[in-house]
Protein backbone atom coordinates (compact mmCIF):
# COMPACT_ATOMS: atom_id res chain seq x y z
CA MET A 1 23.58 -28.87 31.96
CA LYS A 2 21.41 -27.44 29.22
CA LYS A 3 22.28 -28.90 25.83
CA THR A 4 22.51 -26.50 22.93
CA THR A 5 20.61 -26.84 19.66
CA ALA A 6 23.83 -27.81 17.92
CA THR A 7 24.48 -30.54 20.49
CA CYS A 8 20.99 -31.90 20.11
CA ALA A 9 21.33 -31.94 16.33
CA PHE A 10 24.38 -34.15 16.76
CA ILE A 11 22.46 -36.46 19.08
CA ALA A 12 19.65 -36.69 16.53
CA ALA A 13 22.10 -37.77 13.85
CA ALA A 14 23.85 -40.31 16.05
CA PHE A 15 20.78 -41.88 17.67
CA VAL A 16 18.10 -41.98 15.02
CA SER A 17 16.42 -44.87 16.79
CA TYR A 18 15.65 -42.77 19.89
CA ASN A 19 12.04 -43.55 20.86
CA ALA A 20 11.35 -41.66 24.09
CA SER A 21 7.71 -40.80 24.69
CA ALA A 22 8.54 -37.12 25.21
CA ALA A 23 10.80 -34.75 23.30
CA LEU A 24 14.12 -33.71 24.82
CA TYR A 25 13.08 -30.07 24.48
CA ASP A 26 9.90 -28.07 24.82
CA ALA A 27 9.51 -26.58 21.37
CA PHE A 28 9.17 -22.89 20.67
CA LEU A 29 7.77 -22.81 17.15
CA PRO A 30 7.99 -19.86 14.74
CA ALA A 31 4.97 -17.66 14.13
CA ASN A 32 3.69 -17.09 10.57
CA GLU A 33 6.59 -18.88 8.87
CA PRO A 34 7.01 -22.41 7.48
CA TYR A 35 9.58 -24.63 9.22
CA SER A 36 10.73 -28.22 9.56
CA TYR A 37 10.35 -29.74 13.01
CA ASP A 38 11.76 -32.85 14.69
CA GLU A 39 9.08 -34.01 17.12
CA THR A 40 11.38 -36.53 18.78
CA PHE A 41 13.84 -33.89 19.91
CA GLY A 42 11.53 -30.90 20.06
CA LEU A 43 13.66 -28.81 17.70
CA VAL A 44 13.18 -26.84 14.52
CA THR A 45 15.68 -28.20 12.01
CA LYS A 46 15.05 -25.72 9.17
CA PHE A 47 13.34 -22.36 8.78
CA CYS A 48 11.84 -20.63 5.78
CA GLY A 49 14.11 -20.07 2.77
CA GLY A 50 14.65 -17.08 0.49
CA VAL A 51 12.09 -15.06 -1.44
CA GLY A 52 9.59 -17.28 -3.21
CA SER A 53 11.05 -20.57 -1.96
CA ASP A 54 8.56 -23.08 -0.65
CA THR A 55 5.81 -20.93 0.83
CA CYS A 56 8.17 -18.26 2.15
CA MET A 57 6.87 -14.75 1.70
CA GLY A 58 9.14 -11.76 1.91
CA ILE A 59 6.88 -8.71 1.87
CA ARG A 60 7.22 -6.05 -0.83
CA PRO A 61 6.83 -2.36 0.15
CA SER A 62 3.60 -2.51 -1.85
CA GLY A 63 2.34 -5.21 0.52
CA SER A 64 2.42 -7.99 -2.06
CA VAL A 65 4.19 -11.34 -1.73
CA LEU A 66 5.43 -13.79 -4.34
CA GLU A 67 3.31 -16.87 -4.93
CA ASN A 68 4.55 -19.15 -7.71
CA GLY A 69 6.61 -16.23 -9.01
CA THR A 70 3.62 -13.87 -9.19
CA PRO A 71 3.13 -10.83 -6.90
CA VAL A 72 -0.06 -11.27 -4.89
CA PRO A 73 -1.53 -8.50 -2.66
CA LYS A 74 -1.52 -9.64 0.98
CA TYR A 75 -0.61 -6.81 3.38
CA ASN A 76 -1.38 -3.12 3.70
CA PHE A 77 1.31 -0.88 5.15
CA ALA A 78 -0.26 1.80 7.33
CA GLY A 79 2.94 3.79 7.71
CA TRP A 80 6.73 3.83 7.85
CA ALA A 81 9.37 4.83 10.37
CA SER A 82 9.35 8.63 10.47
CA GLY A 83 12.05 9.48 13.00
CA TYR A 84 14.64 8.09 15.39
CA SER A 85 15.54 8.44 19.05
CA SER A 86 19.11 7.17 18.84
CA TYR A 87 21.76 5.98 16.42
CA GLU A 88 24.81 4.28 17.91
CA GLN A 89 27.25 4.01 15.03
CA GLY A 90 29.18 0.77 14.95
CA THR A 91 32.78 0.42 13.88
CA GLY A 92 34.32 0.26 10.42
CA ILE A 93 32.06 2.60 8.40
CA THR A 94 34.37 4.34 5.93
CA GLY A 95 32.58 4.07 2.61
CA ASP A 96 35.73 2.58 1.08
CA GLY A 97 34.98 0.69 -2.11
CA THR A 98 31.81 2.69 -2.78
CA GLU A 99 31.05 5.96 -4.55
CA GLN A 100 29.84 7.53 -1.31
CA GLY A 101 31.73 8.51 1.81
CA ALA A 102 30.95 7.63 5.40
CA ASN A 103 28.56 10.59 5.82
CA HIS A 104 26.19 9.13 3.25
CA TRP A 105 26.01 5.71 4.88
CA THR A 106 25.46 7.13 8.38
CA ASN A 107 22.52 9.34 7.36
CA VAL A 108 19.55 8.01 9.36
CA GLY A 109 17.21 9.66 6.86
CA ASN A 110 18.05 6.85 4.44
CA ALA A 111 16.11 4.45 6.69
CA LEU A 112 13.02 6.63 7.07
CA GLY A 113 9.93 6.44 4.92
CA LYS A 114 9.12 3.80 2.34
CA PRO A 115 12.12 1.55 1.58
CA THR A 116 13.71 1.19 -1.80
CA THR A 117 13.11 -1.86 -3.95
CA SER A 118 16.36 -1.66 -5.91
CA ASP A 119 18.69 1.16 -4.78
CA THR A 120 21.26 -0.50 -2.52
CA ASN A 121 22.72 2.92 -1.66
CA ASP A 122 19.53 4.15 -0.01
CA VAL A 123 20.24 2.59 3.39
CA LEU A 124 21.54 3.39 6.86
CA VAL A 125 24.64 1.34 7.68
CA LEU A 126 24.82 0.30 11.33
CA GLY A 127 28.46 -0.74 11.30
CA ASP A 128 29.82 -3.64 13.33
CA GLY A 129 27.80 -3.78 16.55
CA GLY A 130 25.90 -0.56 15.82
CA SER A 131 22.24 0.10 16.46
CA VAL A 132 19.39 2.47 15.59
CA THR A 133 16.07 3.05 17.35
CA LEU A 134 13.27 4.22 15.07
CA THR A 135 10.04 6.06 15.91
CA PHE A 136 6.65 6.30 14.19
CA ASP A 137 3.80 8.74 13.70
CA ALA A 138 1.44 6.36 15.51
CA PRO A 139 2.14 3.30 17.69
CA ILE A 140 2.40 -0.23 16.31
CA VAL A 141 -0.27 -2.55 17.72
CA ASN A 142 -0.65 -6.30 18.10
CA GLY A 143 -3.05 -7.22 15.32
CA THR A 144 -3.55 -10.30 13.17
CA GLY A 145 -0.37 -11.87 11.81
CA TYR A 146 2.65 -9.68 11.12
CA ASP A 147 2.52 -6.24 12.72
CA PHE A 148 5.57 -4.67 11.06
CA ALA A 149 8.36 -5.57 8.65
CA VAL A 150 12.10 -4.85 8.45
CA PHE A 151 13.85 -4.26 5.11
CA GLU A 152 17.57 -4.73 4.33
CA ASN A 153 19.54 -4.32 1.08
CA SER A 154 21.02 -7.76 0.41
CA LEU A 155 21.95 -8.15 -3.26
CA ASN A 156 20.79 -11.77 -3.31
CA ASP A 157 19.22 -14.53 -1.24
CA THR A 158 22.42 -15.69 0.45
CA PHE A 159 24.57 -12.66 1.32
CA LEU A 160 22.82 -11.90 4.59
CA GLU A 161 23.82 -9.45 7.30
CA PHE A 162 21.88 -9.97 10.50
CA ALA A 163 20.51 -7.82 13.31
CA THR A 164 18.38 -8.43 16.37
CA VAL A 165 14.98 -6.71 16.48
CA SER A 166 13.64 -5.25 19.73
CA VAL A 167 10.60 -3.13 20.58
CA SER A 168 9.65 -0.75 23.36
CA THR A 169 6.73 1.28 24.58
CA ASN A 170 8.66 3.80 26.70
CA GLY A 171 11.98 3.91 24.84
CA ILE A 172 13.85 2.63 27.91
CA HIS A 173 12.87 -1.00 28.33
CA PHE A 174 13.19 -3.14 25.19
CA VAL A 175 12.12 -6.72 24.53
CA THR A 176 13.97 -8.63 21.83
CA PHE A 177 12.19 -11.02 19.49
CA PRO A 178 13.26 -14.66 19.87
CA HIS A 179 15.85 -15.33 17.18
CA PHE A 180 17.65 -18.47 16.12
CA TYR A 181 20.63 -19.42 13.98
CA LEU A 182 21.22 -23.08 13.12
CA GLY A 183 24.62 -22.78 11.41
CA THR A 184 27.73 -23.94 13.23
CA THR A 185 30.65 -22.62 11.17
CA PRO A 186 31.91 -19.15 10.10
CA VAL A 187 30.83 -18.03 6.62
CA GLY A 188 33.91 -15.91 5.89
CA SER A 189 34.56 -12.43 4.60
CA ASP A 190 32.90 -10.72 1.64
CA SER A 191 36.41 -9.95 0.35
CA THR A 192 37.19 -13.61 -0.34
CA GLU A 193 35.77 -15.63 -3.21
CA GLY A 194 32.63 -17.42 -2.10
CA GLY A 195 32.81 -15.77 1.31
CA GLY A 196 29.92 -14.31 3.26
CA VAL A 197 27.39 -16.78 1.86
CA ASN A 198 24.66 -17.85 4.27
CA ASP A 199 21.72 -20.23 4.04
CA PRO A 200 18.45 -18.40 4.86
CA THR A 201 16.92 -21.64 6.15
CA LEU A 202 19.36 -21.42 9.07
CA ALA A 203 18.01 -18.08 10.33
CA TYR A 204 14.86 -16.87 12.08
CA ASN A 205 13.91 -13.34 13.19
CA LEU A 206 17.39 -11.97 12.44
CA GLY A 207 16.71 -8.60 10.89
CA SER A 208 15.80 -9.48 7.35
CA LYS A 209 16.91 -12.65 5.62
CA TYR A 210 15.38 -11.53 2.35
CA ARG A 211 16.99 -9.74 -0.57
CA ILE A 212 16.49 -6.06 -1.30
CA GLY A 213 12.88 -5.07 -1.88
CA TYR A 214 11.45 -7.72 0.47
CA GLY A 215 10.78 -7.28 4.17
CA ASN A 216 10.92 -9.72 7.08
CA GLY A 217 7.65 -9.70 9.05
CA TYR A 218 7.40 -9.56 12.87
CA ASP A 219 4.42 -10.55 14.99
CA LEU A 220 4.15 -8.86 18.42
CA ALA A 221 2.11 -11.78 19.72
CA GLU A 222 5.28 -13.84 19.58
CA LEU A 223 6.76 -11.73 22.39
CA GLU A 224 3.95 -12.74 24.72
CA SER A 225 4.54 -16.39 23.79
CA ALA A 226 8.28 -16.02 24.45
CA TYR A 227 7.60 -14.35 27.79
CA LEU A 228 5.21 -17.08 28.96
CA TYR A 229 7.64 -19.74 27.76
CA SER A 230 10.42 -18.06 29.74
CA LEU A 231 8.35 -17.99 32.93
CA ASP A 232 7.97 -21.76 32.62
CA HIS A 233 11.61 -22.47 31.79
CA LEU A 234 13.73 -20.20 33.98
CA ASP A 235 14.33 -21.65 37.42
CA ASN A 236 16.34 -19.56 39.89
CA GLY A 237 18.21 -17.92 37.04
CA GLU A 238 18.98 -21.20 35.27
CA ALA A 239 17.40 -22.64 32.13
CA THR A 240 15.52 -25.88 32.66
CA GLU A 241 16.89 -28.95 30.86
CA THR A 242 14.02 -28.87 28.37
CA SER A 243 14.35 -25.19 27.46
CA VAL A 244 15.31 -24.14 23.93
CA PHE A 245 15.96 -20.62 25.22
CA SER A 246 19.12 -19.65 27.05
CA ALA A 247 18.98 -18.31 30.59
CA ALA A 248 20.36 -14.98 29.36
CA TYR A 249 17.56 -14.48 26.85
CA MET A 250 14.83 -15.53 29.29
CA SER A 251 16.19 -13.31 32.07
CA SER A 252 16.15 -10.31 29.73
CA ILE A 253 12.60 -10.81 28.47
CA ILE A 254 11.22 -11.44 31.96
CA GLU A 255 12.93 -8.31 33.28
CA ASN A 256 11.60 -6.01 30.54
CA TYR A 257 8.26 -7.45 29.46
CA ALA A 258 6.29 -5.75 32.27
CA TYR A 259 7.12 -2.38 30.72
CA ILE A 260 5.81 -3.32 27.27
CA ASP A 261 2.31 -2.64 25.97
CA LEU A 262 1.87 -4.69 22.80
CA ASP A 263 -0.85 -2.30 21.65
CA ASN A 264 1.38 0.74 22.14
CA ILE A 265 4.80 0.08 20.57
CA ASN A 266 6.55 3.37 19.86
CA TYR A 267 10.11 2.21 19.21
CA VAL A 268 11.76 -0.46 17.06
CA LYS A 269 15.47 -1.06 17.64
CA LEU A 270 17.82 -2.82 15.23
CA THR A 271 21.18 -3.99 16.60
CA ASP A 272 23.84 -5.30 14.25
CA ILE A 273 25.28 -8.74 14.91
CA ILE A 274 29.03 -8.99 14.44
CA GLY A 275 29.24 -12.22 12.50
CA ASP A 276 32.32 -13.76 14.13
CA GLY A 277 30.29 -16.11 16.32
CA ASN A 278 30.71 -14.22 19.59
CA THR A 279 27.10 -13.01 19.51
CA LEU A 280 24.64 -15.69 20.65
CA ASP A 281 21.07 -16.32 19.59
CA SER A 282 18.11 -16.91 21.91
CA ALA A 283 19.20 -20.52 22.35
CA GLY A 284 22.75 -19.58 23.29
CA ASN A 285 24.26 -20.63 19.95
CA SER A 286 26.76 -18.62 17.90
CA ILE A 287 25.51 -16.46 15.04
CA TYR A 288 27.60 -16.17 11.88
CA ASP A 289 27.30 -13.77 8.98
CA ALA A 290 29.82 -12.14 6.63
CA TYR A 291 32.87 -11.17 8.68
CA PRO A 292 35.06 -9.24 8.45
CA THR A 293 33.64 -6.73 5.97
CA THR A 294 34.92 -3.29 5.03
CA GLY A 295 33.54 0.05 3.88
CA THR A 296 29.91 -0.53 4.85
CA PRO A 297 30.06 -3.29 7.48
CA GLY A 298 27.08 -4.55 9.42
CA PHE A 299 23.34 -4.42 8.89
CA ASP A 300 22.14 -2.06 6.15
CA LEU A 301 18.67 -0.80 7.08
CA SER A 302 16.40 0.21 4.23
CA GLY A 303 13.25 0.80 6.27
CA VAL A 304 10.65 -0.43 8.74
CA GLY A 305 7.02 -0.61 7.67
CA VAL A 306 4.00 -0.71 9.98
CA ILE A 307 1.20 -3.11 9.10
CA ASN A 308 -0.95 -2.83 12.23
CA GLN A 309 -1.01 0.72 13.54
CA GLN A 310 -2.97 2.44 16.29
CA ILE A 311 -5.69 4.74 14.96
CA PRO A 312 -5.19 8.13 16.64
CA GLU A 313 -7.98 9.37 18.88
CA PRO A 314 -9.55 12.56 17.48
CA SER A 315 -8.41 15.65 19.38
CA GLU A 316 -10.88 17.78 21.34
CA PHE A 317 -10.33 20.56 18.80
CA ALA A 318 -11.12 18.21 15.91
CA ILE A 319 -14.29 17.06 17.67
CA LEU A 320 -15.31 20.67 18.25
CA LEU A 321 -14.75 21.55 14.58
CA SER A 322 -16.73 18.48 13.51
CA GLY A 323 -19.63 19.51 15.75
CA MET A 324 -19.59 23.07 14.46
CA ALA A 325 -19.58 21.81 10.87
CA ALA A 326 -22.58 19.63 11.61
CA ILE A 327 -24.48 22.54 13.16
CA PHE A 328 -23.63 24.76 10.18
CA ALA A 329 -24.80 22.10 7.72
CA TYR A 330 -28.06 21.62 9.64
CA SER A 331 -28.71 25.38 9.75
CA ARG A 332 -28.05 25.66 6.04
CA ARG A 333 -30.49 22.86 5.23
CA SER A 334 -33.13 24.51 7.44
CA ARG A 335 -32.76 27.85 5.61
CA ASN A 336 -33.01 26.16 2.22
CA LYS A 337 -36.35 24.59 3.18
CA LYS A 338 -37.96 27.99 3.82
């Protein structure tokens, strides 16, 4: 039987003198993000924290990151989500407790274009279990480091509402980024004192774990790594004993990866995670975030920014115009010489 991450964490605490020559698990390590890793057990024990903690770098819409409390230019956004192909509204969106009604929060236009850095009302609310699939003026490509970033509207570093992030080339077959949650207990409702508080070091690739004005980066190369890992660790539909991924996650990525072109990503899909623990991460462990919530429940999408974008091929008409302009310029220079 495949042990879960939570089970292995218990084993690590109980048997600190374990000295096997090989780890219990084959590690799948995060891309582009600091983490703490237990080599004995082959598990990540802590991910990156909130904005500015350690070397964690939530990305501003300007492309800067915080280093020692100072904004430092690091990324260039080539574009932003400009449309959508579907919006499946989740449950519970009423607008109760806010100055806006449900129609405001379910306006997909709020999630298009450059995200806000401070206006928590300028978001699309997914609702419990809802989803949205965004489109772009030009495809996202697999470049160096992060290829795009997702922005949410959390008021602080610990009230975090999560979503899975998936991409597609054709809009039919989607591959979901590997995502992990290390917590083991519910975090409670936002309506109770101290409720809904989460530790960002417990989460990886779950929408955005950064406060408003800072995006969570995603690297398309990580999907190829997850796919190759899955090929090695799914045996007749069952996860191998050393796999950190669940059979369900590996089956899904193997089934859909053949339809994905990492240099031609046209769709990014965000799916809200209902934080009661019934939704499982890529390792098969429960995910918890603020639950239940009212009025504007679920993931609040502020925007998706493209860092590495395909440069459009010039159209035949544009090439023709360029050639005509060159001929005209040459003819004009020739006349001026006479």
